[in-house]
Amino acid sequence: MSPKDLNVAYKYSALDANGKKVTGVETALSSGAVHMALLDRGLQPLEVSTRQSVLKFEITKKKVPRSDVMNFTRQLAVFMKAGIPIMEALEVIIEETQNKLLRGILREIIDSLRAGDTFATAAASHPQAFPNFYVGILESAELTGNLDQVLNQLAEYIERDTKARSKITAALIYPSVVACMSVVTVLVLTVFVLPRFTVFFKSLGAKLPLITRIMMSGSGFILHWWYVEAAVVIFLVVGFVAMRRSPKGRARLDAIMLKLPVVGDLTQTAILERSCRILSSMLKAGVDLPRSVAVTADSANNAVYHKALTEIREAMMEGQGLAGPIARSGLFPGAARQMFRVGEETGTLDQQLDVAAEYYNRELESKLERATALFEPAIIIFMGVVVGFVAVALISAMYGIYSQVKVS
């Protein structure tokens, strides 16, 4: 299959040299390639997206692990600093690369370089390994001729991002295990334990207490109407996935996520840390601010922040600066607004963003610890209530049966 057969039609909106908004459709291998094609035509991209069916799942689509991309970037930086031509460096790296997907991508990049493409253009064709911010930084590095330094910066960013993701994953493992065990315990009680007591109580023909009848009715409902419950679960899952794949639906879900207690605060802090980190890395690499903000919007992974950053970028293109539109968006806390304002006024925006990223990284770790500390006792209390309810219901039934037998 040729590369042309893999092209996808992307919808885009951009600003021309006069600041007028234009829209259209561009066919390319990836959204990163569309960004570069628009920049080549003198347009400043605002948004690039592809329309997909809500029922089209990308189950088989694989991505290169961040750790492999980080190692590749560090190796290439060493070769570039030693003055080795990029194609020779890539051929050596391919021999040492264990990941089959990355190895295939690097071979395709070598073919693209032989055909006359730049490294950034070749990388843009493989978003499963190189995201938009990576391509944007490469593009700037090739224009300024400091590819080795920029590659080191990229590797450092990916390493910090990987560590942050690992901390979040590690913090969620124990609560997830506890939650799963709680669900399993409830299911075992409902499916295996309670039905045996139900048969036993019915065989005695005794009048049961209200709490026992409630428990038996609940257990019977779960057992007899399991297919309805399964259908409801499937409907909710399919509906959730469909909403996530719909622009309007995703915007609603992301807005709801930000308003949830505890979860919303964690989500906002994670977005702020990631946005500051990406924006700082791109500015340090020499990428212009409008392009950096556009890539940061694509990397936010939240429709609310994506829309806000896109509008901030449009305001910047109209000459309103950065700090003012950020403050008006209402999505950035006072600390972030202050750092943006100071950085813009003093010309040290990249340094201020680094400080902000470190600050929000510490905040995220602290909030994760507090959320985990709250979640664990909540699950234990929930389990205690469930097990206690079952125990009280069974003991009450036994005592009632004993009293009826004694009276008779």
Protein backbone atom coordinates (compact mmCIF):
# COMPACT_ATOMS: atom_id res chain seq x y z
CA MET A 1 0.00 0.00 0.00
CA SER A 2 1.46 3.36 -1.01
CA PRO A 3 1.50 6.39 1.30
CA LYS A 4 -1.14 8.08 -0.86
CA ASP A 5 -3.55 5.26 -0.08
CA LEU A 6 -3.21 6.13 3.63
CA ASN A 7 -4.16 9.79 3.20
CA VAL A 8 -7.03 11.10 5.29
CA ALA A 9 -9.25 14.13 4.65
CA TYR A 10 -8.90 16.67 7.48
CA LYS A 11 -11.13 19.67 8.09
CA TYR A 12 -9.22 22.77 9.12
CA SER A 13 -9.74 26.36 10.18
CA ALA A 14 -6.89 28.86 9.97
CA LEU A 15 -6.04 32.56 9.86
CA ASP A 16 -4.56 34.16 6.75
CA ALA A 17 -2.00 36.98 6.66
CA ASN A 18 -4.77 39.56 7.18
CA GLY A 19 -6.15 37.80 10.26
CA LYS A 20 -9.22 36.53 8.39
CA LYS A 21 -10.51 33.08 9.35
CA VAL A 22 -10.58 30.53 6.53
CA THR A 23 -11.79 26.92 6.49
CA GLY A 24 -11.31 24.02 4.15
CA VAL A 25 -10.32 20.39 3.69
CA GLU A 26 -6.76 19.11 3.36
CA THR A 27 -5.73 15.56 2.49
CA ALA A 28 -2.64 14.27 4.30
CA LEU A 29 -1.18 11.37 6.25
CA SER A 30 -1.68 13.03 9.64
CA SER A 31 -2.91 16.19 11.36
CA GLY A 32 0.73 17.22 11.87
CA ALA A 33 1.30 17.09 8.12
CA VAL A 34 -1.78 19.29 7.63
CA HIS A 35 -0.37 21.85 10.09
CA MET A 36 2.87 21.99 8.15
CA ALA A 37 1.10 22.25 4.79
CA LEU A 38 -0.96 25.19 6.05
CA LEU A 39 2.11 26.94 7.45
CA ASP A 40 3.84 26.51 4.09
CA ARG A 41 0.91 28.36 2.49
CA GLY A 42 1.23 31.24 4.95
CA LEU A 43 -1.77 30.20 7.08
CA GLN A 44 -1.81 29.95 10.87
CA PRO A 45 -3.74 26.76 11.80
CA LEU A 46 -6.45 27.11 14.45
CA GLU A 47 -7.99 23.65 14.42
CA VAL A 48 -7.46 20.46 12.44
CA SER A 49 -9.82 17.51 12.83
CA THR A 50 -11.11 14.49 10.95
CA ARG A 51 -14.71 13.33 10.98
CA GLN A 52 -15.15 9.70 11.98
CA SER A 53 -18.22 7.57 12.51
CA VAL A 54 -19.21 7.32 16.17
CA LEU A 55 -19.24 3.55 15.80
CA LYS A 56 -15.80 3.34 14.22
CA PHE A 57 -13.47 2.03 16.90
CA GLU A 58 -9.69 2.12 16.54
CA ILE A 59 -9.11 -1.03 18.56
CA THR A 60 -6.19 -2.25 16.48
CA LYS A 61 -4.40 1.10 16.32
CA LYS A 62 -1.13 0.86 18.21
CA LYS A 63 1.12 3.55 19.57
CA VAL A 64 4.83 3.55 20.29
CA PRO A 65 5.48 3.70 24.06
CA ARG A 66 6.73 7.06 25.29
CA SER A 67 9.81 5.42 26.81
CA ASP A 68 10.87 4.10 23.39
CA VAL A 69 10.37 7.51 21.79
CA MET A 70 12.43 9.07 24.59
CA ASN A 71 15.30 6.60 24.10
CA PHE A 72 15.23 7.13 20.34
CA THR A 73 15.33 10.91 20.78
CA ARG A 74 18.31 10.74 23.16
CA GLN A 75 20.22 8.42 20.83
CA LEU A 76 19.57 10.66 17.82
CA ALA A 77 20.69 13.73 19.81
CA VAL A 78 24.03 12.03 20.58
CA PHE A 79 24.58 11.16 16.91
CA MET A 80 23.66 14.69 15.78
CA LYS A 81 26.06 16.24 18.30
CA ALA A 82 28.84 13.94 17.02
CA GLY A 83 28.24 15.26 13.49
CA ILE A 84 26.95 11.95 12.06
CA PRO A 85 24.49 12.43 9.14
CA ILE A 86 20.89 11.83 10.17
CA MET A 87 20.26 8.96 7.75
CA GLU A 88 23.33 7.06 8.97
CA ALA A 89 22.27 7.72 12.56
CA LEU A 90 18.77 6.38 11.90
CA GLU A 91 20.15 3.22 10.29
CA VAL A 92 22.32 2.53 13.35
CA ILE A 93 19.39 3.21 15.72
CA ILE A 94 17.14 0.83 13.76
CA GLU A 95 19.57 -2.03 14.38
CA GLU A 96 19.38 -1.41 18.15
CA THR A 97 15.62 -0.75 18.37
CA GLN A 98 13.60 -3.58 19.92
CA ASN A 99 10.12 -2.17 19.28
CA LYS A 100 8.91 -3.52 15.92
CA LEU A 101 6.47 -0.65 15.31
CA LEU A 102 9.11 2.01 15.92
CA ARG A 103 11.61 0.11 13.79
CA GLY A 104 9.16 0.09 10.87
CA ILE A 105 8.42 3.79 11.33
CA LEU A 106 12.11 4.69 11.28
CA ARG A 107 12.57 2.73 8.04
CA GLU A 108 9.71 4.71 6.48
CA ILE A 109 11.28 7.95 7.72
CA ILE A 110 14.56 7.01 5.99
CA ASP A 111 12.63 6.41 2.76
CA SER A 112 10.97 9.82 3.11
CA LEU A 113 14.34 11.50 3.70
CA ARG A 114 15.74 9.85 0.58
CA ALA A 115 12.74 11.20 -1.34
CA GLY A 116 13.68 14.74 -0.26
CA ASP A 117 11.41 15.32 2.74
CA THR A 118 12.62 17.04 5.88
CA PHE A 119 12.87 15.10 9.14
CA ALA A 120 9.90 17.03 10.58
CA THR A 121 7.73 16.27 7.55
CA ALA A 122 8.67 12.58 7.68
CA ALA A 123 7.92 12.42 11.42
CA ALA A 124 4.56 14.18 10.93
CA SER A 125 3.39 11.19 8.89
CA HIS A 126 3.60 8.96 11.97
CA PRO A 127 1.46 10.43 14.79
CA GLN A 128 1.42 7.04 16.53
CA ALA A 129 5.04 7.77 17.51
CA PHE A 130 5.51 11.53 17.15
CA PRO A 131 2.70 13.82 18.44
CA ASN A 132 2.05 17.32 17.12
CA PHE A 133 4.24 19.12 19.67
CA TYR A 134 7.17 16.84 18.76
CA VAL A 135 6.78 17.63 15.04
CA GLY A 136 6.41 21.36 15.70
CA ILE A 137 9.62 21.44 17.73
CA LEU A 138 11.47 19.45 15.05
CA GLU A 139 10.31 21.88 12.38
CA SER A 140 11.68 24.84 14.34
CA ALA A 141 14.94 23.00 15.09
CA GLU A 142 15.58 22.28 11.41
CA LEU A 143 15.00 25.93 10.56
CA THR A 144 17.42 27.17 13.25
CA GLY A 145 19.99 24.38 12.81
CA ASN A 146 20.15 23.34 16.48
CA LEU A 147 18.62 19.89 16.10
CA ASP A 148 20.91 18.19 18.63
CA GLN A 149 20.04 20.64 21.44
CA VAL A 150 16.32 20.50 20.67
CA LEU A 151 16.34 16.70 20.63
CA ASN A 152 17.82 16.72 24.13
CA GLN A 153 15.06 19.10 25.26
CA LEU A 154 12.46 16.81 23.71
CA ALA A 155 13.89 13.78 25.48
CA GLU A 156 13.85 15.62 28.80
CA TYR A 157 10.23 16.68 28.31
CA ILE A 158 9.13 13.14 27.40
CA GLU A 159 10.99 11.78 30.43
CA ARG A 160 9.25 14.25 32.78
CA ASP A 161 5.90 13.52 31.15
CA THR A 162 6.44 9.77 31.47
CA LYS A 163 7.34 10.12 35.15
CA ALA A 164 4.22 12.21 35.79
CA ARG A 165 2.02 9.62 34.07
CA SER A 166 3.70 6.83 36.06
CA LYS A 167 3.00 8.63 39.33
CA ILE A 168 -0.67 9.00 38.43
CA THR A 169 -0.91 5.33 37.44
CA ALA A 170 0.84 4.17 40.60
CA ALA A 171 -1.44 6.33 42.75
CA LEU A 172 -4.54 4.81 41.14
CA ILE A 173 -3.51 1.15 41.29
CA TYR A 174 -4.36 0.49 44.95
CA PRO A 175 -7.75 2.28 44.93
CA SER A 176 -8.67 0.48 41.70
CA VAL A 177 -7.81 -2.92 43.20
CA VAL A 178 -9.81 -2.15 46.33
CA ALA A 179 -12.79 -1.00 44.25
CA CYS A 180 -12.66 -4.15 42.08
CA MET A 181 -12.47 -6.40 45.14
CA SER A 182 -15.48 -4.57 46.60
CA VAL A 183 -17.51 -5.20 43.46
CA VAL A 184 -16.46 -8.87 43.43
CA THR A 185 -17.44 -9.26 47.09
CA VAL A 186 -20.90 -7.80 46.48
CA LEU A 187 -21.40 -10.06 43.44
CA VAL A 188 -20.34 -13.18 45.38
CA LEU A 189 -22.76 -12.34 48.19
CA THR A 190 -25.58 -11.64 45.73
CA VAL A 191 -25.07 -14.58 43.35
CA PHE A 192 -23.83 -17.40 45.58
CA VAL A 193 -24.46 -16.72 49.28
CA LEU A 194 -27.85 -15.03 49.53
CA PRO A 195 -29.76 -17.40 47.17
CA ARG A 196 -28.90 -20.35 49.48
CA PHE A 197 -30.34 -18.52 52.48
CA THR A 198 -33.40 -17.58 50.42
CA VAL A 199 -34.14 -21.27 49.71
CA PHE A 200 -33.53 -22.14 53.37
CA PHE A 201 -35.88 -19.46 54.69
CA LYS A 202 -38.62 -20.40 52.23
CA SER A 203 -38.42 -24.06 53.29
CA LEU A 204 -39.13 -23.05 56.89
CA GLY A 205 -42.19 -21.01 55.93
CA ALA A 206 -41.48 -18.49 58.67
CA LYS A 207 -42.34 -14.79 58.59
CA LEU A 208 -39.14 -12.85 57.94
CA PRO A 209 -38.19 -9.37 59.21
CA LEU A 210 -38.51 -6.41 56.81
CA ILE A 211 -34.74 -5.96 56.43
CA THR A 212 -34.37 -9.63 55.43
CA ARG A 213 -37.20 -9.37 52.88
CA ILE A 214 -35.57 -6.27 51.37
CA MET A 215 -32.25 -8.11 51.06
CA MET A 216 -33.86 -11.19 49.46
CA SER A 217 -35.88 -9.05 47.04
CA GLY A 218 -32.74 -7.19 45.95
CA SER A 219 -30.82 -10.41 45.45
CA GLY A 220 -33.69 -11.93 43.48
CA PHE A 221 -34.00 -8.89 41.26
CA ILE A 222 -30.28 -8.97 40.40
CA LEU A 223 -30.39 -12.71 39.60
CA HIS A 224 -33.64 -12.81 37.62
CA TRP A 225 -33.19 -9.62 35.63
CA TRP A 226 -29.47 -9.96 34.88
CA TYR A 227 -30.00 -9.63 31.12
CA VAL A 228 -31.75 -6.28 31.59
CA GLU A 229 -28.90 -5.09 33.80
CA ALA A 230 -26.34 -6.29 31.23
CA ALA A 231 -28.26 -4.47 28.47
CA VAL A 232 -28.29 -1.27 30.53
CA VAL A 233 -24.54 -1.52 31.13
CA ILE A 234 -23.87 -2.12 27.42
CA PHE A 235 -26.15 0.78 26.49
CA LEU A 236 -24.34 3.10 28.90
CA VAL A 237 -20.89 2.03 27.65
CA VAL A 238 -21.85 2.40 23.96
CA GLY A 239 -23.53 5.74 24.70
CA PHE A 240 -20.46 6.98 26.55
CA VAL A 241 -18.11 5.94 23.71
CA ALA A 242 -20.44 7.52 21.13
CA MET A 243 -20.48 10.78 23.08
CA ARG A 244 -16.69 10.75 23.41
CA ARG A 245 -16.37 10.43 19.63
CA SER A 246 -18.88 13.21 18.96
CA PRO A 247 -17.47 16.77 19.24
CA LYS A 248 -20.55 18.07 21.07
CA GLY A 249 -20.80 15.00 23.26
CA ARG A 250 -17.13 15.11 24.19
CA ALA A 251 -17.42 18.80 25.04
CA ARG A 252 -20.30 18.03 27.42
CA LEU A 253 -18.49 15.10 29.04
CA ASP A 254 -15.29 17.10 29.49
CA ALA A 255 -17.24 20.00 30.99
CA ILE A 256 -18.96 17.61 33.43
CA MET A 257 -15.59 16.04 34.29
CA LEU A 258 -14.17 19.42 35.29
CA LYS A 259 -17.14 20.09 37.60
CA LEU A 260 -16.96 16.81 39.49
CA PRO A 261 -15.67 17.02 43.07
CA VAL A 262 -12.07 15.82 43.54
CA VAL A 263 -11.89 14.37 39.99
CA GLY A 264 -12.45 17.77 38.38
CA ASP A 265 -9.70 19.38 40.44
CA LEU A 266 -7.27 16.57 39.57
CA THR A 267 -8.17 16.81 35.87
CA GLN A 268 -7.65 20.57 35.76
CA THR A 269 -4.29 20.35 37.54
CA ALA A 270 -3.09 17.62 35.16
CA ILE A 271 -4.13 19.68 32.11
CA LEU A 272 -2.40 22.79 33.44
CA GLU A 273 0.83 20.89 34.17
CA ARG A 274 0.88 19.31 30.73
CA SER A 275 -0.04 22.55 28.90
CA CYS A 276 2.65 24.59 30.67
CA ARG A 277 5.23 21.88 30.03
CA ILE A 278 4.49 21.59 26.31
CA LEU A 279 4.27 25.36 25.78
CA SER A 280 7.58 25.88 27.60
CA SER A 281 9.34 23.15 25.60
CA MET A 282 8.14 24.57 22.28
CA LEU A 283 9.12 28.15 23.14
CA LYS A 284 12.58 27.02 24.26
CA ALA A 285 12.99 25.26 20.92
CA GLY A 286 12.25 28.51 19.09
CA VAL A 287 8.70 27.72 17.94
CA ASP A 288 6.62 30.89 17.56
CA LEU A 289 3.99 31.52 20.24
CA PRO A 290 0.85 31.17 18.05
CA ARG A 291 2.01 27.80 16.72
CA SER A 292 2.97 26.71 20.25
CA VAL A 293 -0.46 27.60 21.63
CA ALA A 294 -2.16 25.73 18.74
CA VAL A 295 -0.17 22.55 19.44
CA THR A 296 -0.79 22.92 23.18
CA ALA A 297 -4.53 23.10 22.48
CA ASP A 298 -4.34 19.85 20.49
CA SER A 299 -2.41 18.20 23.33
CA ALA A 300 -4.78 19.27 26.14
CA ASN A 301 -6.97 16.15 25.71
CA ASN A 302 -9.95 18.14 26.96
CA ALA A 303 -12.51 19.80 24.69
CA VAL A 304 -13.14 22.68 27.09
CA TYR A 305 -9.45 23.64 27.30
CA HIS A 306 -8.97 22.99 23.57
CA LYS A 307 -11.71 25.50 22.74
CA ALA A 308 -10.38 28.02 25.25
CA LEU A 309 -6.79 27.80 24.00
CA THR A 310 -7.98 28.07 20.39
CA GLU A 311 -9.89 31.26 21.25
CA ILE A 312 -6.85 32.56 23.15
CA ARG A 313 -4.74 31.98 20.06
CA GLU A 314 -7.23 33.86 17.87
CA ALA A 315 -7.17 36.77 20.32
CA MET A 316 -3.35 36.75 20.19
CA MET A 317 -3.44 36.88 16.40
CA GLU A 318 -5.66 39.97 16.72
CA GLY A 319 -3.00 41.67 18.87
CA GLN A 320 -4.55 41.19 22.32
CA GLY A 321 -1.49 39.49 23.80
CA LEU A 322 -1.51 36.29 25.84
CA ALA A 323 -2.10 37.15 29.51
CA GLY A 324 -5.35 39.07 28.91
CA PRO A 325 -7.18 36.34 26.92
CA ILE A 326 -5.96 33.69 29.40
CA ALA A 327 -7.41 35.67 32.32
CA ARG A 328 -10.74 36.14 30.48
CA SER A 329 -11.06 32.43 29.75
CA GLY A 330 -11.72 31.69 33.43
CA LEU A 331 -10.00 28.29 33.15
CA PHE A 332 -6.62 29.26 34.57
CA PRO A 333 -6.15 29.83 38.34
CA GLY A 334 -4.67 33.01 39.74
CA ALA A 335 -1.17 31.54 40.08
CA ALA A 336 -1.09 30.54 36.41
CA ARG A 337 -2.46 33.91 35.25
CA GLN A 338 0.20 35.73 37.27
CA MET A 339 3.02 33.62 35.81
CA PHE A 340 1.76 34.18 32.26
CA ARG A 341 1.50 37.92 32.84
CA VAL A 342 4.99 38.23 34.37
CA GLY A 343 6.51 36.06 31.66
CA GLU A 344 4.91 38.07 28.87
CA GLU A 345 5.91 41.44 30.37
CA THR A 346 9.53 40.44 31.11
CA GLY A 347 10.14 38.29 28.02
CA THR A 348 10.79 35.22 30.16
CA LEU A 349 7.62 33.30 29.29
CA ASP A 350 9.42 29.98 28.75
CA GLN A 351 11.09 30.22 32.19
CA GLN A 352 7.83 31.20 33.91
CA LEU A 353 6.09 28.28 32.22
CA ASP A 354 8.78 25.93 33.52
CA VAL A 355 8.15 27.23 37.04
CA ALA A 356 4.40 26.84 36.55
CA ALA A 357 4.80 23.28 35.26
CA GLU A 358 6.88 22.30 38.29
CA TYR A 359 4.39 23.96 40.61
CA TYR A 360 1.42 22.12 39.11
CA ASN A 361 3.37 18.87 39.07
CA ARG A 362 3.84 19.14 42.85
CA GLU A 363 0.20 20.15 43.22
CA LEU A 364 -0.89 17.10 41.22
CA GLU A 365 1.16 14.75 43.37
CA SER A 366 -0.23 16.29 46.56
CA LYS A 367 -3.83 16.14 45.33
CA LEU A 368 -3.43 12.55 44.18
CA GLU A 369 -2.18 11.56 47.62
CA ARG A 370 -5.11 13.32 49.29
CA ALA A 371 -7.63 11.80 46.88
CA THR A 372 -6.21 8.31 47.47
CA ALA A 373 -6.31 8.87 51.23
CA LEU A 374 -10.00 9.83 50.94
CA PHE A 375 -10.91 7.03 48.54
CA GLU A 376 -9.57 4.15 50.61
CA PRO A 377 -11.66 4.76 53.76
CA ALA A 378 -14.71 5.51 51.59
CA ILE A 379 -14.44 2.07 49.97
CA ILE A 380 -13.87 0.40 53.35
CA ILE A 381 -16.92 2.16 54.80
CA PHE A 382 -19.00 1.13 51.79
CA MET A 383 -17.94 -2.48 52.17
CA GLY A 384 -18.65 -2.34 55.90
CA VAL A 385 -22.16 -1.04 55.23
CA VAL A 386 -22.87 -3.77 52.65
CA VAL A 387 -21.50 -6.64 54.74
CA GLY A 388 -23.12 -5.21 57.88
CA PHE A 389 -26.49 -4.96 56.15
CA VAL A 390 -26.26 -8.59 55.01
CA ALA A 391 -25.15 -9.76 58.48
CA VAL A 392 -27.95 -7.87 60.26
CA ALA A 393 -30.53 -9.20 57.77
CA LEU A 394 -29.41 -12.81 58.26
CA ILE A 395 -29.11 -12.59 62.05
CA SER A 396 -32.51 -10.90 62.29
CA ALA A 397 -34.03 -13.68 60.22
CA MET A 398 -32.42 -16.40 62.35
CA TYR A 399 -33.55 -14.73 65.56
CA GLY A 400 -37.09 -14.27 64.19
CA ILE A 401 -37.34 -17.93 63.14
CA TYR A 402 -36.02 -19.04 66.53
CA SER A 403 -38.60 -16.86 68.32
CA GLN A 404 -41.46 -18.21 66.18
CA VAL A 405 -40.40 -21.83 66.77
CA LYS A 406 -40.08 -21.21 70.52
CA VAL A 407 -43.56 -19.66 70.75
CA SER A 408 -45.17 -22.49 68.79
